[in-house]
N, C-alpha and C. Protein backbone atom coordinates (compact mmCIF):
# COMPACT_ATOMS: atom_id res chain seq x y z
N UNK A 1 178.44 142.24 67.37
CA UNK A 1 178.65 141.29 68.35
C UNK A 1 177.65 142.14 69.63
N UNK A 2 177.92 142.75 70.24
CA UNK A 2 177.06 143.62 71.70
C UNK A 2 176.04 144.44 70.90
N UNK A 3 176.45 144.82 69.85
CA UNK A 3 175.13 145.57 69.48
C UNK A 3 174.18 144.94 68.72
N UNK A 4 174.27 143.55 68.50
CA UNK A 4 173.39 141.76 68.04
C UNK A 4 172.64 141.38 69.40
N UNK A 5 173.66 141.43 71.14
CA UNK A 5 172.86 140.75 71.66
C UNK A 5 172.03 141.96 72.43
N UNK A 6 172.64 143.17 72.09
CA UNK A 6 171.57 143.81 72.88
C UNK A 6 170.27 143.97 72.11
N UNK A 7 170.11 144.19 70.76
CA UNK A 7 168.68 144.27 70.20
C UNK A 7 167.78 142.85 70.59
N UNK A 8 169.53 141.40 70.45
CA UNK A 8 167.94 140.11 71.14
C UNK A 8 167.70 140.15 72.05
N UNK A 9 168.51 140.64 73.34
CA UNK A 9 167.75 141.27 74.61
C UNK A 9 166.31 141.69 74.70
N UNK A 10 167.16 142.48 74.25
CA UNK A 10 165.44 143.38 73.93
C UNK A 10 163.90 142.54 73.79
N UNK A 11 164.31 141.86 72.14
CA UNK A 11 163.34 140.66 71.60
C UNK A 11 162.77 139.95 72.90
N UNK A 12 163.71 139.35 73.27
CA UNK A 12 163.45 139.01 74.76
C UNK A 12 162.85 138.79 75.06
N UNK A 13 163.08 139.71 76.33
CA UNK A 13 161.86 140.97 77.26
C UNK A 13 160.71 141.36 76.71
N UNK A 14 160.83 141.34 75.82
CA UNK A 14 159.09 141.41 74.73
C UNK A 14 158.24 140.39 74.69
N UNK A 15 158.94 138.87 74.89
CA UNK A 15 158.56 138.01 74.66
C UNK A 15 158.01 137.31 76.07
N UNK A 16 159.08 138.03 76.99
CA UNK A 16 159.03 138.04 78.72
C UNK A 16 157.26 138.64 78.44
N UNK A 17 157.30 139.90 78.28
CA UNK A 17 156.08 140.63 77.97
C UNK A 17 154.90 140.02 77.87
N UNK A 18 154.78 139.58 76.44
CA UNK A 18 154.30 138.19 75.36
C UNK A 18 153.03 137.91 76.09
N UNK A 19 154.58 137.05 77.69
CA UNK A 19 153.54 135.96 78.10
C UNK A 19 152.53 136.50 79.10
N UNK A 20 152.69 137.35 79.81
CA UNK A 20 152.33 137.93 80.40
C UNK A 20 150.93 138.42 80.36
N UNK A 21 151.05 139.47 79.57
CA UNK A 21 149.61 140.04 78.91
C UNK A 21 149.46 141.08 77.42
N UNK A 22 148.62 140.10 76.99
CA UNK A 22 148.83 140.73 75.45
C UNK A 22 147.55 141.19 75.15
N UNK A 23 146.75 141.80 74.76
CA UNK A 23 145.12 141.79 74.07
C UNK A 23 144.97 141.46 73.11
N UNK A 24 143.47 141.00 72.89
CA UNK A 24 143.51 140.33 71.35
C UNK A 24 142.58 141.01 71.06
N UNK A 25 142.87 141.29 69.86
CA UNK A 25 142.00 142.00 68.51
C UNK A 25 140.28 142.49 69.36
N UNK A 26 140.13 143.40 69.92
CA UNK A 26 138.51 143.19 69.42
C UNK A 26 137.88 142.44 70.66
N UNK A 27 138.47 141.27 71.54
CA UNK A 27 137.57 140.47 72.11
C UNK A 27 138.38 140.68 73.23
N UNK A 28 139.15 141.72 74.24
CA UNK A 28 139.37 141.94 75.47
C UNK A 28 140.58 140.06 75.71
N UNK A 29 140.30 139.44 75.26
CA UNK A 29 141.22 137.72 75.88
C UNK A 29 142.34 137.88 76.25
N UNK A 30 142.83 137.41 76.62
CA UNK A 30 144.47 137.56 76.62
C UNK A 30 145.49 136.60 75.43
N UNK A 31 146.19 136.94 74.76
CA UNK A 31 147.04 135.75 73.89
C UNK A 31 148.40 135.43 74.43
N UNK A 32 147.79 134.45 74.42
CA UNK A 32 149.08 133.66 75.27
C UNK A 32 150.24 132.92 74.66
N UNK A 33 151.68 132.63 74.69
CA UNK A 33 152.23 132.43 74.37
C UNK A 33 152.95 130.81 74.81
N UNK A 34 153.99 130.45 74.42
CA UNK A 34 154.38 129.09 74.80
C UNK A 34 156.14 129.27 73.48
N UNK A 35 156.82 128.16 74.82
CA UNK A 35 157.97 128.05 74.50
C UNK A 35 158.49 126.74 73.52
N UNK A 36 159.25 127.11 72.52
CA UNK A 36 159.53 125.78 72.02
C UNK A 36 160.15 125.44 71.92
N UNK A 37 161.40 126.56 71.67
CA UNK A 37 162.89 126.24 71.90
C UNK A 37 163.69 126.96 72.00
N UNK A 38 164.85 126.81 73.08
CA UNK A 38 165.90 127.65 73.50
C UNK A 38 167.10 127.49 72.35
N UNK A 39 167.13 128.87 72.07
CA UNK A 39 168.15 129.05 70.61
C UNK A 39 169.39 128.60 71.03
N UNK A 40 169.80 129.56 72.76
CA UNK A 40 171.10 129.95 73.27
C UNK A 40 171.41 130.49 74.34
N UNK A 41 172.21 130.51 75.15
CA UNK A 41 172.36 130.56 76.43
C UNK A 41 173.54 131.23 76.17
N UNK A 42 173.40 132.45 77.29
CA UNK A 42 174.86 133.38 77.42
C UNK A 42 174.88 133.75 79.06
N UNK A 43 176.30 134.65 79.44
CA UNK A 43 176.03 135.14 80.12
C UNK A 43 176.38 136.58 80.88
N UNK A 44 175.79 137.60 81.24
CA UNK A 44 175.88 138.78 81.48
C UNK A 44 177.13 138.95 82.47
N UNK A 45 178.68 139.11 82.12
CA UNK A 45 179.19 139.64 83.00
C UNK A 45 179.98 141.51 82.85
N UNK A 46 180.73 142.10 83.80
CA UNK A 46 181.56 143.07 83.99
C UNK A 46 182.50 143.44 83.40
N UNK A 47 182.73 144.13 82.33
CA UNK A 47 183.94 144.51 81.92
C UNK A 47 185.30 145.28 82.18
N UNK A 48 186.43 145.11 82.40
CA UNK A 48 187.62 145.72 83.17
C UNK A 48 188.54 146.05 82.31
N UNK A 49 189.27 146.95 82.24
CA UNK A 49 190.80 146.89 81.64
C UNK A 49 191.74 145.58 81.87
N UNK A 50 192.73 145.25 81.21
CA UNK A 50 193.10 143.58 81.35
C UNK A 50 193.91 143.95 83.08
N UNK A 51 193.48 142.68 83.21
CA UNK A 51 194.40 142.59 84.01
C UNK A 51 194.53 143.60 85.47
N UNK A 52 193.19 144.29 85.41
CA UNK A 52 192.77 145.89 86.02
C UNK A 52 192.73 144.52 87.31
N UNK A 53 193.08 144.91 88.70
CA UNK A 53 192.86 144.11 89.97
C UNK A 53 191.35 144.78 90.58
N UNK A 54 190.54 145.68 89.61
CA UNK A 54 189.70 146.51 90.25
C UNK A 54 188.43 144.90 89.98
N UNK A 55 188.89 143.95 88.74
CA UNK A 55 188.18 142.62 88.16
C UNK A 55 188.04 142.05 89.90
N UNK A 56 188.84 141.56 90.33
CA UNK A 56 188.57 141.09 91.63
C UNK A 56 188.06 141.46 92.60
N UNK A 57 187.97 142.85 92.96
CA UNK A 57 187.96 143.55 93.86
C UNK A 57 185.92 143.86 93.94
N UNK A 58 185.61 143.60 92.75
CA UNK A 58 184.13 143.87 91.88
C UNK A 58 184.17 142.72 91.73
N UNK A 59 184.15 141.75 91.31
CA UNK A 59 183.66 140.24 91.82
C UNK A 59 183.57 140.04 92.79
N UNK A 60 184.32 139.99 94.00
CA UNK A 60 184.29 139.47 95.32
C UNK A 60 183.05 140.40 96.33
N UNK A 61 182.69 141.31 95.87
CA UNK A 61 181.49 142.45 95.81
C UNK A 61 180.34 141.63 95.98
N UNK A 62 180.65 140.96 94.19
CA UNK A 62 179.07 140.52 93.75
C UNK A 62 178.91 139.14 94.22
N UNK A 63 180.26 138.65 94.48
CA UNK A 63 180.02 137.60 95.47
C UNK A 63 179.28 137.22 96.59
N UNK A 64 179.06 137.85 97.44
CA UNK A 64 178.77 138.92 98.55
C UNK A 64 177.57 138.77 98.09
N UNK A 65 177.37 139.79 97.89
CA UNK A 65 175.90 140.26 97.25
C UNK A 65 175.10 139.00 96.56
N UNK A 66 175.67 137.98 96.05
CA UNK A 66 174.87 136.06 94.98
C UNK A 66 174.83 135.39 96.34
N UNK A 67 175.53 135.93 97.69
CA UNK A 67 175.77 134.91 99.25
C UNK A 67 174.65 135.33 99.55
N UNK A 68 174.04 136.88 99.97
CA UNK A 68 173.22 137.26 101.03
C UNK A 68 171.28 137.30 99.72
N UNK A 69 171.74 136.79 98.72
CA UNK A 69 170.28 136.27 97.58
C UNK A 69 169.73 138.08 96.98
N UNK A 70 170.68 139.35 97.20
CA UNK A 70 170.43 140.37 96.33
C UNK A 70 170.45 140.30 94.76
N UNK A 71 170.59 139.24 94.18
CA UNK A 71 171.24 139.17 92.71
C UNK A 71 170.32 138.57 92.41
N UNK A 72 169.17 137.50 93.09
CA UNK A 72 168.43 137.21 92.97
C UNK A 72 167.15 138.12 93.06
N UNK A 73 167.06 138.58 94.40
CA UNK A 73 166.03 139.59 94.24
C UNK A 73 165.68 140.45 93.28
N UNK A 74 166.97 140.93 93.00
CA UNK A 74 166.87 142.06 92.47
C UNK A 74 166.11 141.55 90.48
N UNK A 75 166.77 140.32 90.18
CA UNK A 75 166.39 140.26 88.89
C UNK A 75 165.35 139.39 89.22
N UNK A 76 164.39 139.18 90.49
CA UNK A 76 163.05 138.85 90.35
C UNK A 76 162.48 140.13 90.26
N UNK A 77 162.97 141.20 90.84
CA UNK A 77 162.01 143.06 91.00
C UNK A 77 162.02 143.08 89.12
N UNK A 78 163.23 143.38 88.94
CA UNK A 78 163.12 143.46 87.65
C UNK A 78 162.64 142.46 86.56
N UNK A 79 162.46 141.21 86.81
CA UNK A 79 162.98 140.74 85.59
C UNK A 79 161.63 139.43 85.88
N UNK A 80 160.47 139.48 86.68
CA UNK A 80 160.04 138.51 87.22
C UNK A 80 160.29 136.97 87.32
N UNK A 81 161.79 136.62 87.09
CA UNK A 81 162.25 135.23 87.04
C UNK A 81 163.37 136.09 87.73
N UNK A 82 164.12 134.90 88.84
CA UNK A 82 165.41 134.92 89.42
C UNK A 82 166.27 133.50 87.95
N UNK A 83 167.23 134.68 86.85
CA UNK A 83 167.86 134.18 86.12
C UNK A 83 169.14 134.72 86.57
N UNK A 84 169.51 135.14 88.30
CA UNK A 84 170.74 134.95 89.09
C UNK A 84 171.95 133.34 88.48
N UNK A 85 172.87 134.14 88.24
CA UNK A 85 173.59 132.84 87.79
C UNK A 85 174.86 132.79 88.61
N UNK A 86 175.50 133.63 89.27
CA UNK A 86 176.55 133.23 90.29
C UNK A 86 176.63 132.82 91.57
N UNK A 87 178.05 131.93 92.00
CA UNK A 87 177.74 131.13 92.99
C UNK A 87 178.51 132.53 94.19
N UNK A 88 177.50 132.12 94.94
CA UNK A 88 177.76 133.66 96.21
C UNK A 88 178.97 132.88 97.80
N UNK A 89 179.58 133.89 97.40
CA UNK A 89 180.65 133.25 98.38
C UNK A 89 180.50 134.50 100.09
N UNK A 90 180.21 134.03 100.91
CA UNK A 90 179.99 135.18 102.01
C UNK A 90 181.30 135.40 102.41
N UNK A 91 181.25 136.50 102.64
CA UNK A 91 182.46 137.13 103.33
C UNK A 91 183.57 137.46 102.02
N UNK A 92 183.55 137.54 101.14
CA UNK A 92 184.43 137.37 100.07
C UNK A 92 184.69 138.71 99.77
N UNK A 93 184.31 139.76 100.29
CA UNK A 93 185.86 141.09 100.45
C UNK A 93 186.79 141.01 100.94
N UNK A 94 186.56 139.98 102.29
CA UNK A 94 186.87 140.31 103.61
C UNK A 94 188.25 139.01 103.11
N UNK A 95 187.81 138.17 102.07
CA UNK A 95 188.95 137.50 102.10
C UNK A 95 190.22 138.03 100.96
N UNK A 96 189.65 138.96 100.74
CA UNK A 96 191.11 139.60 99.06
C UNK A 96 192.30 140.04 100.15
N UNK A 97 193.16 140.09 99.43
CA UNK A 97 194.81 139.96 100.01
C UNK A 97 194.94 141.60 100.37
N UNK A 98 193.87 142.20 99.06
CA UNK A 98 194.98 144.03 99.48
C UNK A 98 193.15 144.57 99.83
N UNK A 99 192.79 145.08 100.69
CA UNK A 99 191.40 145.48 101.04
C UNK A 99 190.94 146.78 99.84
N UNK A 100 189.77 146.98 99.19
CA UNK A 100 189.46 147.72 98.81
C UNK A 100 189.94 149.16 99.79
N UNK A 101 190.08 150.46 98.35
CA UNK A 101 190.73 151.58 98.81
C UNK A 101 189.44 152.42 99.27
N UNK A 102 189.28 152.82 100.46
CA UNK A 102 188.08 153.13 100.69
C UNK A 102 187.52 154.82 99.83
N UNK A 103 186.49 155.37 99.96
CA UNK A 103 186.27 156.08 99.69
C UNK A 103 186.62 156.44 97.92
N UNK A 104 186.59 155.76 97.02
CA UNK A 104 186.98 155.42 95.86
C UNK A 104 185.87 156.02 94.69
N UNK A 105 186.17 156.61 94.27
CA UNK A 105 185.00 157.32 92.40
C UNK A 105 185.01 156.39 91.52
N UNK A 106 184.36 155.48 91.26
CA UNK A 106 184.54 154.91 89.62
C UNK A 106 183.67 155.66 88.38
N UNK A 107 183.96 155.50 87.31
CA UNK A 107 183.12 155.60 86.44
C UNK A 107 182.46 154.77 85.42
N UNK A 108 181.37 153.92 85.32
CA UNK A 108 180.57 153.44 85.04
C UNK A 108 180.10 153.28 83.59
N UNK A 109 180.50 153.19 82.51
CA UNK A 109 179.37 153.53 81.96
C UNK A 109 178.88 151.95 81.37
N UNK A 110 177.65 151.98 81.09
CA UNK A 110 176.36 151.60 81.25
C UNK A 110 175.67 151.84 79.73
N UNK A 111 174.24 151.31 79.63
CA UNK A 111 173.74 151.54 78.39
C UNK A 111 172.64 152.51 79.01
N UNK A 112 171.78 153.14 77.51
CA UNK A 112 170.22 153.91 78.35
C UNK A 112 169.85 153.35 77.35
N UNK A 113 168.25 153.07 77.66
CA UNK A 113 167.26 152.85 76.73
C UNK A 113 166.95 151.65 77.41
N UNK A 114 167.35 150.44 77.89
CA UNK A 114 167.08 148.98 78.13
C UNK A 114 166.44 148.94 79.04
N UNK A 115 165.48 149.70 79.58
CA UNK A 115 164.89 148.99 80.85
C UNK A 115 163.98 147.55 80.54
N UNK A 116 163.70 147.27 81.62
CA UNK A 116 164.15 147.55 83.05
C UNK A 116 165.40 147.13 83.52
N UNK A 117 166.95 147.03 82.21
CA UNK A 117 167.79 146.04 82.87
C UNK A 117 168.79 148.04 83.17
N UNK A 118 168.33 149.08 82.38
CA UNK A 118 169.38 149.75 82.40
C UNK A 118 168.74 151.25 81.71
N UNK A 119 168.20 152.34 82.58
CA UNK A 119 168.10 153.40 81.17
C UNK A 119 167.74 154.76 82.26
N UNK A 120 167.73 155.95 81.58
CA UNK A 120 168.26 157.41 82.78
C UNK A 120 166.56 157.76 82.89
N UNK A 121 166.18 158.50 83.87
CA UNK A 121 165.41 159.04 84.22
C UNK A 121 165.41 160.55 84.13
N UNK A 122 164.11 161.20 83.86
CA UNK A 122 164.02 162.46 84.03
C UNK A 122 164.80 163.34 84.78
N UNK A 123 165.82 163.07 85.78
CA UNK A 123 166.13 164.17 86.33
C UNK A 123 167.97 163.72 86.38
N UNK A 124 167.88 162.68 84.82
CA UNK A 124 169.33 162.74 84.69
C UNK A 124 170.60 160.98 85.37
N UNK A 125 169.51 160.47 86.44
CA UNK A 125 170.51 159.88 87.06
C UNK A 125 169.58 158.80 86.13
N UNK A 126 170.05 157.39 86.81
CA UNK A 126 169.70 155.74 86.45
C UNK A 126 168.95 154.92 86.97
N UNK A 127 168.05 154.41 86.63
CA UNK A 127 167.58 153.27 87.25
C UNK A 127 167.56 151.41 86.46
N UNK A 128 167.26 150.67 87.28
CA UNK A 128 166.78 150.03 86.37
C UNK A 128 167.86 148.55 87.82
N UNK A 129 167.50 147.36 87.19
CA UNK A 129 168.33 146.13 87.37
C UNK A 129 170.19 146.34 88.22
N UNK A 130 171.01 147.03 86.54
CA UNK A 130 171.77 147.09 86.88
C UNK A 130 172.71 148.78 88.03
N UNK A 131 172.02 149.38 87.45
CA UNK A 131 172.20 150.53 88.63
C UNK A 131 171.57 149.95 89.88
N UNK A 132 170.61 149.64 90.16
CA UNK A 132 170.60 149.48 91.68
C UNK A 132 171.26 148.49 91.82
N UNK A 133 171.78 147.69 91.28
CA UNK A 133 172.67 146.78 91.88
C UNK A 133 174.60 146.94 91.77
N UNK A 134 175.00 147.17 91.22
CA UNK A 134 175.80 148.59 91.18
C UNK A 134 175.85 149.48 92.60
N UNK A 135 174.99 150.35 92.85
CA UNK A 135 174.96 150.66 94.14
C UNK A 135 175.01 149.80 95.12
N UNK A 136 174.49 148.38 94.90
CA UNK A 136 174.85 147.40 96.47
C UNK A 136 176.39 147.55 95.98
N UNK A 137 176.87 147.32 95.29
CA UNK A 137 178.55 147.27 95.14
C UNK A 137 179.08 148.09 95.92
N UNK A 138 178.37 149.29 95.12
CA UNK A 138 179.33 150.66 95.53
C UNK A 138 179.03 150.64 97.39
N UNK A 139 178.09 150.31 97.56
CA UNK A 139 178.02 150.72 99.31
C UNK A 139 178.86 149.74 100.09
N UNK A 140 179.01 148.47 99.51
CA UNK A 140 179.83 147.06 99.88
C UNK A 140 181.24 147.63 100.32
N UNK A 141 181.10 148.04 99.70
CA UNK A 141 182.86 148.93 98.96
C UNK A 141 183.15 149.88 99.49
N UNK A 142 182.17 150.78 99.93
CA UNK A 142 182.32 152.13 100.56
C UNK A 142 182.47 152.88 98.84
N UNK A 143 182.32 152.84 98.08
CA UNK A 143 182.92 153.67 97.00
C UNK A 143 181.71 154.87 96.17
N UNK A 144 181.67 155.06 95.40
CA UNK A 144 180.81 155.85 94.91
C UNK A 144 180.69 155.70 93.46
N UNK A 145 180.08 155.75 92.44
CA UNK A 145 179.56 155.74 91.35
C UNK A 145 179.10 156.54 90.72
N UNK A 146 179.97 156.93 89.10
CA UNK A 146 179.91 158.23 88.03
C UNK A 146 179.33 157.09 87.42
N UNK A 147 177.86 157.38 86.46
CA UNK A 147 177.80 156.72 84.82
C UNK A 147 177.66 157.49 83.65
N UNK A 148 178.13 156.74 82.77
CA UNK A 148 178.64 157.52 81.89
C UNK A 148 177.89 156.78 80.56
N UNK A 149 177.29 157.12 79.48
CA UNK A 149 176.55 156.29 78.73
C UNK A 149 177.84 155.87 77.46
N UNK A 150 177.93 155.01 77.35
CA UNK A 150 178.96 154.86 76.13
C UNK A 150 178.31 153.60 74.73
N UNK A 151 179.12 154.11 73.98
CA UNK A 151 178.33 152.89 72.27
C UNK A 151 178.99 151.34 72.60
N UNK A 152 178.14 150.74 73.20
CA UNK A 152 178.56 149.01 73.61
C UNK A 152 179.73 148.72 72.53
N UNK A 153 180.42 148.73 71.17
CA UNK A 153 181.08 148.57 70.19
C UNK A 153 182.00 149.40 70.79
N UNK A 154 182.07 149.96 71.76
CA UNK A 154 183.81 149.98 71.77
C UNK A 154 183.94 150.30 73.62
N UNK A 155 183.65 149.37 73.74
CA UNK A 155 184.15 149.36 75.24
C UNK A 155 185.34 149.09 75.10
N UNK A 156 186.21 147.93 74.95
CA UNK A 156 187.86 147.93 75.08
C UNK A 156 188.25 149.57 74.86
N UNK A 157 187.85 150.54 73.86
CA UNK A 157 188.57 151.60 73.40
C UNK A 157 188.40 152.36 74.41
N UNK A 158 187.25 152.26 75.32
CA UNK A 158 187.10 153.65 76.27
C UNK A 158 186.89 153.09 77.45
N UNK A 159 187.70 151.71 77.77
CA UNK A 159 188.42 151.77 78.91
C UNK A 159 189.16 151.57 78.70
N UNK A 160 190.04 151.18 77.42
CA UNK A 160 191.95 151.89 77.56
C UNK A 160 192.80 153.40 77.82
N UNK A 161 191.17 154.11 76.86
CA UNK A 161 191.26 155.31 77.63
C UNK A 161 191.41 155.88 78.60
N UNK A 162 190.56 155.00 79.02
CA UNK A 162 190.75 155.83 80.84
C UNK A 162 189.31 156.74 81.36
N UNK A 163 188.40 156.47 80.63
CA UNK A 163 187.54 157.10 80.06
C UNK A 163 186.43 156.63 81.28
N UNK A 164 186.57 155.86 81.04
CA UNK A 164 185.26 155.21 82.18
C UNK A 164 186.69 153.57 82.76
N UNK A 165 186.19 153.33 84.43
CA UNK A 165 186.96 152.26 85.41
C UNK A 165 186.32 151.05 84.54
N UNK A 166 185.26 150.57 83.84
CA UNK A 166 184.61 149.09 83.80
C UNK A 166 182.98 149.94 83.09
N UNK A 167 182.75 148.93 82.52
CA UNK A 167 181.62 148.66 81.92
C UNK A 167 180.40 147.36 82.27
N UNK A 168 179.32 147.96 82.16
CA UNK A 168 178.36 146.76 83.16
C UNK A 168 177.02 147.35 82.25
N UNK A 169 176.98 146.42 81.77
CA UNK A 169 175.70 145.91 80.44
C UNK A 169 175.11 144.78 80.26
N UNK A 170 174.39 144.85 79.47
CA UNK A 170 173.18 144.14 79.02
C UNK A 170 174.36 143.12 78.30
N UNK A 171 175.12 142.60 78.54
CA UNK A 171 176.36 141.95 77.24
C UNK A 171 176.81 141.04 78.00
N UNK A 172 177.81 140.19 77.32
CA UNK A 172 178.66 138.72 77.57
C UNK A 172 179.60 139.31 77.28
N UNK A 173 180.26 140.66 76.69
CA UNK A 173 181.50 140.67 75.75
C UNK A 173 182.18 140.22 75.52
N UNK A 174 181.59 138.36 74.69
CA UNK A 174 182.55 137.53 74.62
C UNK A 174 183.25 137.90 73.35
N UNK A 175 183.30 138.98 72.36
CA UNK A 175 184.07 139.37 71.50
C UNK A 175 185.20 140.30 71.80
N UNK A 176 185.22 140.66 73.11
CA UNK A 176 185.78 141.54 73.59
C UNK A 176 186.93 141.23 74.87
N UNK A 177 187.07 139.07 75.06
CA UNK A 177 187.49 138.84 75.43
C UNK A 177 189.04 139.01 76.15
N UNK A 178 189.84 138.91 74.65
CA UNK A 178 190.99 138.83 74.35
C UNK A 178 192.11 140.22 74.69
N UNK A 179 190.64 141.75 75.18
CA UNK A 179 191.69 142.46 75.18
C UNK A 179 190.78 143.04 76.64
N UNK A 180 189.75 142.37 76.95
CA UNK A 180 189.25 143.36 78.92
C UNK A 180 189.72 141.92 79.39
N UNK A 181 189.44 142.45 80.96
CA UNK A 181 189.47 141.67 82.33
C UNK A 181 187.55 141.53 82.30
N UNK A 182 186.92 140.21 82.56
CA UNK A 182 185.46 139.91 82.81
C UNK A 182 185.76 139.20 83.83
N UNK A 183 184.79 139.90 84.12
CA UNK A 183 184.21 139.15 86.18
C UNK A 183 183.19 137.40 85.72
N UNK A 184 182.65 137.15 86.74
CA UNK A 184 182.07 135.37 86.23
C UNK A 184 181.07 136.51 85.99
N UNK A 185 179.93 135.56 85.20
CA UNK A 185 178.71 135.96 84.44
C UNK A 185 177.98 136.03 85.98
N UNK A 186 176.80 136.78 85.85
CA UNK A 186 175.78 137.28 87.14
C UNK A 186 174.75 136.75 86.68
N UNK A 187 174.39 136.72 85.34
CA UNK A 187 172.97 137.15 84.82
C UNK A 187 172.82 136.18 83.87
N UNK A 188 172.35 135.11 84.39
CA UNK A 188 172.02 135.02 82.62
C UNK A 188 170.78 135.62 81.90
N UNK A 189 170.99 134.60 80.25
CA UNK A 189 170.28 135.44 79.40
C UNK A 189 169.95 134.29 78.62
N UNK A 190 168.72 133.98 78.55
CA UNK A 190 168.22 132.84 77.96
C UNK A 190 167.83 132.89 76.60
N UNK A 191 167.65 132.59 74.91
CA UNK A 191 167.13 133.50 73.92
C UNK A 191 165.83 131.93 73.20
N UNK A 192 165.11 132.24 73.27
CA UNK A 192 163.97 131.35 73.70
C UNK A 192 163.18 131.90 71.72
N UNK A 193 162.36 131.00 71.58
CA UNK A 193 161.72 130.99 69.61
C UNK A 193 160.07 130.66 71.03
N UNK A 194 159.97 131.51 70.64
CA UNK A 194 158.06 131.04 71.24
C UNK A 194 156.72 131.86 69.82
N UNK A 195 155.93 130.70 70.47
CA UNK A 195 154.37 131.02 69.69
C UNK A 195 153.24 131.22 70.13
N UNK A 196 152.46 131.25 69.88
CA UNK A 196 151.53 131.63 70.81
C UNK A 196 150.38 130.66 70.89
N UNK A 197 150.60 130.29 72.06
CA UNK A 197 150.07 129.44 72.54
C UNK A 197 148.95 128.22 72.10
N UNK A 198 148.39 128.39 71.23
CA UNK A 198 147.48 127.61 70.36
C UNK A 198 147.39 127.23 68.91
N UNK A 199 149.08 127.75 68.72
CA UNK A 199 149.97 127.49 67.43
C UNK A 199 150.26 125.94 66.63
N UNK A 200 150.02 125.60 65.75
CA UNK A 200 150.32 123.89 65.48
C UNK A 200 151.72 123.72 65.74
N UNK A 201 152.72 124.33 65.84
CA UNK A 201 153.74 124.46 65.76
C UNK A 201 154.40 124.19 67.92
N UNK A 202 155.34 122.97 67.44
CA UNK A 202 155.30 122.40 68.56
C UNK A 202 157.14 122.58 68.97
N UNK A 203 157.84 122.63 68.12
CA UNK A 203 159.19 122.30 67.95
C UNK A 203 160.05 123.31 66.78
N UNK A 204 160.89 124.10 67.28
CA UNK A 204 162.01 124.01 66.21
C UNK A 204 161.43 123.52 64.63
N UNK A 205 161.97 122.98 64.32
CA UNK A 205 162.63 122.08 63.29
C UNK A 205 160.60 122.07 62.30
N UNK A 206 159.75 122.52 63.48
CA UNK A 206 158.48 122.67 62.52
C UNK A 206 158.20 123.62 61.57
N UNK A 207 158.68 125.05 61.93
CA UNK A 207 158.86 125.41 61.22
C UNK A 207 159.32 125.87 59.64
N UNK A 208 160.65 124.61 59.89
CA UNK A 208 160.78 124.59 58.35
C UNK A 208 160.10 125.17 57.23
N UNK A 209 160.78 125.37 56.03
CA UNK A 209 159.52 125.62 55.00
C UNK A 209 158.09 126.26 54.93
């Protein structure tokens, strides 16, 4: 399920890029596309060990960042559009019953090679929307993060073994909801059906046959 999600998300990003610019063969013109149907929508979450209090702390930090407009800003910066979907709560971290333990170091499971969401650089560091947002979470909590590339199909096992403290990927983790704890969705991912702007197809049903 998560492997399929990653593939579809990559295709969706390609579709977005096609809207922006695609050279025409030999003409130098720009080929443009149009959306004719929204196939489905999901929300990306952060996964934690089942019933881990860390989930609530992370959620509070994300809610503060949403209230500050930081998630919207990063989505616009990396994806060109604001796909954020988390309701902001000003001062959410200060409202926690137990304050975050300062100086904590977390191992965060991430994906590699899915720019602009998350990908490794030549120096071994990670860049993209998720690492940038994770850095803001770390700063807000006074923590440091260590990134570990993991297989998206093994999230529950990686969490259960203690290899990672959370998994932050371009995924909804819908197939693992019964075995892990999930933050609220923070980014909306819409799968769309697109065709060339000059196509005679105007709706999904017109593609039949």
